[in-house]
Structure formats: C-alpha cells, structure tokens
Amino acid sequence: MLASTPPQLPLRDQLAFDRTELANQRTWLAAARTALTLFVSGASFLQFFDTAWGWGTGLVFLGLSGPVLGLGYLRYARKHRQLQALAGEERRRLVAG
C-alpha cells in the first residue's frame, strides 16, 4: 500500500457502508415520492371535486406534502452525516492500528 493512499476498509465493512447508504437514499426517495403523490392528489381533489369534503381532503393532502418531504430529507441528512462520521472513525482506527 502506498503511503499517500488512504487506508481502505475491509471489503465486508465497505459493502456494509454501501448497503446502508443505498438504503438511506432509497428511504429518502420513498419520502419524496410520497410527498409528490400527496401533492398531486391534493391538487386533483381541489380541481375535480366541488364539494366541502373534496376541498377539505385536497387541502389536507396539500398540507401534508411539505412536512413529509421535509422530514424525509432531515432523516436522510442526519443518517448521511452519521455514516460519514462512522466511516471517518473507522479509517482513523485503521491508520492508528
């Protein structure tokens, strides 16, 4: 191994980090898809139903789409930071050990 090359994690650990990062991204995309579905459903209810329950349902769906998107992103960002910190600690441990 060259001195300038950062130490690599064992393959098993690299694959575990990759799987966890991909699962985190997949969860974020599911939240974004859910928020988009809520937004489109809410807009559809407002457009096509001219009743009180249609407007109420549409406004509820529109109101929920923003928080679902925001919370999904916050959870993704927090887990991403945790994974980056854990990967950095593991690399430092390899250098010291």
C-alpha atoms as a PDB file:
ATOM      1  CA  MET A   1       0.000   0.000   0.000  1.00  0.00           C
ATOM      2  CA  LEU A   2       1.342   3.434  -0.890  1.00  0.00           C
ATOM      3  CA  ALA A   3       1.819   5.922   1.930  1.00  0.00           C
ATOM      4  CA  SER A   4      -0.245   8.595   0.168  1.00  0.00           C
ATOM      5  CA  THR A   5      -3.203   6.269  -0.412  1.00  0.00           C
ATOM      6  CA  PRO A   6      -5.779   6.385   2.394  1.00  0.00           C
ATOM      7  CA  PRO A   7      -6.288   3.011   4.045  1.00  0.00           C
ATOM      8  CA  GLN A   8      -9.228   1.048   2.741  1.00  0.00           C
ATOM      9  CA  LEU A   9     -11.812  -0.546   4.939  1.00  0.00           C
ATOM     10  CA  PRO A  10     -12.096  -4.314   4.745  1.00  0.00           C
ATOM     11  CA  LEU A  11     -14.401  -5.367   1.919  1.00  0.00           C
ATOM     12  CA  ARG A  12     -17.085  -6.584   4.329  1.00  0.00           C
ATOM     13  CA  ASP A  13     -17.202  -3.172   6.037  1.00  0.00           C
ATOM     14  CA  GLN A  14     -17.154  -1.282   2.740  1.00  0.00           C
ATOM     15  CA  LEU A  15     -20.106  -3.316   1.485  1.00  0.00           C
ATOM     16  CA  ALA A  16     -22.000  -2.764   4.743  1.00  0.00           C
ATOM     17  CA  PHE A  17     -21.485   1.006   4.464  1.00  0.00           C
ATOM     18  CA  ASP A  18     -22.573   0.938   0.830  1.00  0.00           C
ATOM     19  CA  ARG A  19     -25.721  -1.063   1.621  1.00  0.00           C
ATOM     20  CA  THR A  20     -26.628   1.270   4.452  1.00  0.00           C
ATOM     21  CA  GLU A  21     -26.059   4.375   2.312  1.00  0.00           C
ATOM     22  CA  LEU A  22     -28.166   2.920  -0.508  1.00  0.00           C
ATOM     23  CA  ALA A  23     -30.953   2.040   1.937  1.00  0.00           C
ATOM     24  CA  ASN A  24     -30.823   5.587   3.286  1.00  0.00           C
ATOM     25  CA  GLN A  25     -31.098   7.029  -0.235  1.00  0.00           C
ATOM     26  CA  ARG A  26     -33.953   4.647  -1.047  1.00  0.00           C
ATOM     27  CA  THR A  27     -35.824   5.793   2.068  1.00  0.00           C
ATOM     28  CA  TRP A  28     -35.342   9.454   1.078  1.00  0.00           C
ATOM     29  CA  LEU A  29     -36.668   8.734  -2.410  1.00  0.00           C
ATOM     30  CA  ALA A  30     -39.708   6.965  -0.921  1.00  0.00           C
ATOM     31  CA  ALA A  31     -40.465  10.040   1.201  1.00  0.00           C
ATOM     32  CA  ALA A  32     -40.103  12.302  -1.849  1.00  0.00           C
ATOM     33  CA  ARG A  33     -42.392  10.025  -3.871  1.00  0.00           C
ATOM     34  CA  THR A  34     -44.965  10.037  -1.068  1.00  0.00           C
ATOM     35  CA  ALA A  35     -44.841  13.844  -0.825  1.00  0.00           C
ATOM     36  CA  LEU A  36     -45.284  14.172  -4.582  1.00  0.00           C
ATOM     37  CA  THR A  37     -48.235  11.774  -4.503  1.00  0.00           C
ATOM     38  CA  LEU A  38     -49.858  13.733  -1.686  1.00  0.00           C
ATOM     39  CA  PHE A  39     -49.353  16.995  -3.566  1.00  0.00           C
ATOM     40  CA  VAL A  40     -50.793  15.692  -6.846  1.00  0.00           C
ATOM     41  CA  SER A  41     -53.696  14.005  -5.047  1.00  0.00           C
ATOM     42  CA  GLY A  42     -54.481  17.185  -3.157  1.00  0.00           C
ATOM     43  CA  ALA A  43     -54.395  19.283  -6.315  1.00  0.00           C
ATOM     44  CA  SER A  44     -56.626  16.735  -8.064  1.00  0.00           C
ATOM     45  CA  PHE A  45     -59.178  16.812  -5.260  1.00  0.00           C
ATOM     46  CA  LEU A  46     -59.281  20.608  -5.424  1.00  0.00           C
ATOM     47  CA  GLN A  47     -59.627  20.578  -9.209  1.00  0.00           C
ATOM     48  CA  PHE A  48     -62.228  17.853  -9.690  1.00  0.00           C
ATOM     49  CA  PHE A  49     -64.405  17.845  -6.560  1.00  0.00           C
ATOM     50  CA  ASP A  50     -66.553  20.865  -5.888  1.00  0.00           C
ATOM     51  CA  THR A  51     -67.784  19.679  -2.518  1.00  0.00           C
ATOM     52  CA  ALA A  52     -66.746  20.523   1.034  1.00  0.00           C
ATOM     53  CA  TRP A  53     -65.210  17.100   1.651  1.00  0.00           C
ATOM     54  CA  GLY A  54     -63.298  17.280  -1.645  1.00  0.00           C
ATOM     55  CA  TRP A  55     -61.821  20.650  -0.788  1.00  0.00           C
ATOM     56  CA  GLY A  56     -61.096  19.554   2.779  1.00  0.00           C
ATOM     57  CA  THR A  57     -59.360  16.394   1.640  1.00  0.00           C
ATOM     58  CA  GLY A  58     -57.395  18.283  -1.002  1.00  0.00           C
ATOM     59  CA  LEU A  59     -56.190  20.884   1.456  1.00  0.00           C
ATOM     60  CA  VAL A  60     -55.175  18.215   3.973  1.00  0.00           C
ATOM     61  CA  PHE A  61     -53.189  16.345   1.323  1.00  0.00           C
ATOM     62  CA  LEU A  62     -51.532  19.550   0.119  1.00  0.00           C
ATOM     63  CA  GLY A  63     -50.705  20.482   3.699  1.00  0.00           C
ATOM     64  CA  LEU A  64     -49.155  17.100   4.444  1.00  0.00           C
ATOM     65  CA  SER A  65     -46.930  17.009   1.367  1.00  0.00           C
ATOM     66  CA  GLY A  66     -44.493  19.658   2.653  1.00  0.00           C
ATOM     67  CA  PRO A  67     -43.868  18.129   6.089  1.00  0.00           C
ATOM     68  CA  VAL A  68     -43.465  14.651   4.605  1.00  0.00           C
ATOM     69  CA  LEU A  69     -40.833  15.960   2.199  1.00  0.00           C
ATOM     70  CA  GLY A  70     -39.072  17.991   4.883  1.00  0.00           C
ATOM     71  CA  LEU A  71     -38.995  15.219   7.479  1.00  0.00           C
ATOM     72  CA  GLY A  72     -37.813  12.714   4.889  1.00  0.00           C
ATOM     73  CA  TYR A  73     -34.915  14.963   3.940  1.00  0.00           C
ATOM     74  CA  LEU A  74     -33.993  15.678   7.571  1.00  0.00           C
ATOM     75  CA  ARG A  75     -33.872  11.964   8.348  1.00  0.00           C
ATOM     76  CA  TYR A  76     -31.762  11.329   5.246  1.00  0.00           C
ATOM     77  CA  ALA A  77     -29.312  14.133   6.066  1.00  0.00           C
ATOM     78  CA  ARG A  78     -28.914  13.060   9.702  1.00  0.00           C
ATOM     79  CA  LYS A  79     -28.219   9.431   8.790  1.00  0.00           C
ATOM     80  CA  HIS A  80     -25.851  10.504   5.998  1.00  0.00           C
ATOM     81  CA  ARG A  81     -23.806  12.587   8.458  1.00  0.00           C
ATOM     82  CA  GLN A  82     -23.726   9.672  10.913  1.00  0.00           C
ATOM     83  CA  LEU A  83     -22.472   7.318   8.225  1.00  0.00           C
ATOM     84  CA  GLN A  84     -19.768   9.747   7.111  1.00  0.00           C
ATOM     85  CA  ALA A  85     -18.583  10.202  10.698  1.00  0.00           C
ATOM     86  CA  LEU A  86     -18.571   6.439  11.277  1.00  0.00           C
ATOM     87  CA  ALA A  87     -16.597   5.839   8.075  1.00  0.00           C
ATOM     88  CA  GLY A  88     -14.086   8.514   9.120  1.00  0.00           C
ATOM     89  CA  GLU A  89     -13.669   6.950  12.572  1.00  0.00           C
ATOM     90  CA  GLU A  90     -13.143   3.526  11.025  1.00  0.00           C
ATOM     91  CA  ARG A  91     -10.468   4.870   8.666  1.00  0.00           C
ATOM     92  CA  ARG A  92      -8.717   6.666  11.530  1.00  0.00           C
ATOM     93  CA  ARG A  93      -8.785   3.444  13.546  1.00  0.00           C
ATOM     94  CA  LEU A  94      -7.122   1.596  10.660  1.00  0.00           C
ATOM     95  CA  VAL A  95      -4.381   4.219  10.416  1.00  0.00           C
ATOM     96  CA  ALA A  96      -3.715   4.164  14.176  1.00  0.00           C
ATOM     97  CA  GLY A  97      -3.928   0.379  14.445  1.00  0.00           C
END
